Amino acid sequence: MNDAPENSQAEKATIPDTAQESENTVYTYTSAGVAERQGNVPIWLWVVMISLVIWGLYYLVVYWNAPLVQL
């Protein structure tokens, strides 16, 4: 298994010296054919994740009933 960058992208796959170069860095895993690059999480996905956490906390508080201890 060889996960080294392809020859055509060898320049892009090296570790950049400046932050500006790091935005364009692409690393290709040749064994899987997958390209890796820097990316941001879209705002709509942040909204979905936060909504799920809030809903989960609401569900936990409202619907979780601890067993009552009867003596």
C-alpha atoms as a PDB file:
ATOM      1  CA  MET A   1       0.000   0.000   0.000  1.00  0.00           C
ATOM      2  CA  ASN A   2       1.529   3.277  -1.088  1.00  0.00           C
ATOM      3  CA  ASP A   3      -0.009   6.463   0.279  1.00  0.00           C
ATOM      4  CA  ALA A   4       2.584   8.798  -1.174  1.00  0.00           C
ATOM      5  CA  PRO A   5       1.462  11.706  -3.341  1.00  0.00           C
ATOM      6  CA  GLU A   6       1.367  11.234  -7.086  1.00  0.00           C
ATOM      7  CA  ASN A   7       4.178  12.721  -9.145  1.00  0.00           C
ATOM      8  CA  SER A   8       1.895  15.337 -10.687  1.00  0.00           C
ATOM      9  CA  GLN A   9       0.906  16.607  -7.249  1.00  0.00           C
ATOM     10  CA  ALA A  10       4.225  16.233  -5.471  1.00  0.00           C
ATOM     11  CA  GLU A  11       4.687  19.987  -5.216  1.00  0.00           C
ATOM     12  CA  LYS A  12       1.212  20.481  -3.747  1.00  0.00           C
ATOM     13  CA  ALA A  13       1.563  17.639  -1.245  1.00  0.00           C
ATOM     14  CA  THR A  14       4.671  18.978   0.486  1.00  0.00           C
ATOM     15  CA  ILE A  15       4.336  20.796   3.778  1.00  0.00           C
ATOM     16  CA  PRO A  16       3.959  24.505   2.955  1.00  0.00           C
ATOM     17  CA  ASP A  17       6.118  27.193   4.556  1.00  0.00           C
ATOM     18  CA  THR A  18       3.416  29.869   4.650  1.00  0.00           C
ATOM     19  CA  ALA A  19      -0.253  29.893   5.587  1.00  0.00           C
ATOM     20  CA  GLN A  20      -1.219  31.109   2.116  1.00  0.00           C
ATOM     21  CA  GLU A  21       0.242  28.001   0.500  1.00  0.00           C
ATOM     22  CA  SER A  22      -1.540  25.708   2.962  1.00  0.00           C
ATOM     23  CA  GLU A  23      -4.959  26.704   1.557  1.00  0.00           C
ATOM     24  CA  ASN A  24      -4.116  25.046  -1.756  1.00  0.00           C
ATOM     25  CA  THR A  25      -2.489  21.894  -0.381  1.00  0.00           C
ATOM     26  CA  VAL A  26      -3.910  18.678  -1.819  1.00  0.00           C
ATOM     27  CA  TYR A  27      -2.729  15.221  -0.806  1.00  0.00           C
ATOM     28  CA  THR A  28      -3.837  12.185  -2.817  1.00  0.00           C
ATOM     29  CA  TYR A  29      -3.896   8.687  -1.344  1.00  0.00           C
ATOM     30  CA  THR A  30      -2.994   6.648  -4.415  1.00  0.00           C
ATOM     31  CA  SER A  31      -4.125   3.309  -2.980  1.00  0.00           C
ATOM     32  CA  ALA A  32      -7.666   4.607  -2.367  1.00  0.00           C
ATOM     33  CA  GLY A  33      -7.873   7.389  -4.942  1.00  0.00           C
ATOM     34  CA  VAL A  34      -9.003   9.880  -2.304  1.00  0.00           C
ATOM     35  CA  ALA A  35      -7.875  13.510  -2.298  1.00  0.00           C
ATOM     36  CA  GLU A  36      -7.441  15.304   1.023  1.00  0.00           C
ATOM     37  CA  ARG A  37      -7.621  19.084   1.293  1.00  0.00           C
ATOM     38  CA  GLN A  38      -8.425  21.801   3.802  1.00  0.00           C
ATOM     39  CA  GLY A  39     -12.155  22.448   4.079  1.00  0.00           C
ATOM     40  CA  ASN A  40     -14.655  24.323   6.206  1.00  0.00           C
ATOM     41  CA  VAL A  41     -17.876  23.048   7.725  1.00  0.00           C
ATOM     42  CA  PRO A  42     -20.875  24.787   6.095  1.00  0.00           C
ATOM     43  CA  ILE A  43     -23.097  26.975   8.282  1.00  0.00           C
ATOM     44  CA  TRP A  44     -26.189  24.846   7.615  1.00  0.00           C
ATOM     45  CA  LEU A  45     -24.367  21.787   8.977  1.00  0.00           C
ATOM     46  CA  TRP A  46     -23.405  23.692  12.154  1.00  0.00           C
ATOM     47  CA  VAL A  47     -27.098  24.589  12.578  1.00  0.00           C
ATOM     48  CA  VAL A  48     -28.095  20.929  12.183  1.00  0.00           C
ATOM     49  CA  MET A  49     -25.481  19.747  14.701  1.00  0.00           C
ATOM     50  CA  ILE A  50     -26.448  22.355  17.303  1.00  0.00           C
ATOM     51  CA  SER A  51     -30.153  21.616  16.778  1.00  0.00           C
ATOM     52  CA  LEU A  52     -29.558  17.901  17.366  1.00  0.00           C
ATOM     53  CA  VAL A  53     -27.666  18.586  20.582  1.00  0.00           C
ATOM     54  CA  ILE A  54     -30.429  20.897  21.857  1.00  0.00           C
ATOM     55  CA  TRP A  55     -33.124  18.385  20.900  1.00  0.00           C
ATOM     56  CA  GLY A  56     -31.177  15.583  22.595  1.00  0.00           C
ATOM     57  CA  LEU A  57     -30.908  17.563  25.823  1.00  0.00           C
ATOM     58  CA  TYR A  58     -34.621  18.437  25.683  1.00  0.00           C
ATOM     59  CA  TYR A  59     -35.545  14.794  25.103  1.00  0.00           C
ATOM     60  CA  LEU A  60     -33.287  13.693  27.958  1.00  0.00           C
ATOM     61  CA  VAL A  61     -34.847  16.127  30.425  1.00  0.00           C
ATOM     62  CA  VAL A  62     -38.506  15.710  29.410  1.00  0.00           C
ATOM     63  CA  TYR A  63     -38.782  11.999  28.636  1.00  0.00           C
ATOM     64  CA  TRP A  64     -36.178  10.331  30.828  1.00  0.00           C
ATOM     65  CA  ASN A  65     -37.870   8.983  33.909  1.00  0.00           C
ATOM     66  CA  ALA A  66     -35.638   7.705  36.621  1.00  0.00           C
ATOM     67  CA  PRO A  67     -36.997   4.686  38.466  1.00  0.00           C
ATOM     68  CA  LEU A  68     -38.633   5.646  41.743  1.00  0.00           C
ATOM     69  CA  VAL A  69     -37.257   4.010  44.855  1.00  0.00           C
ATOM     70  CA  GLN A  70     -40.033   2.475  46.945  1.00  0.00           C
ATOM     71  CA  LEU A  71     -39.303   1.538  50.497  1.00  0.00           C
END
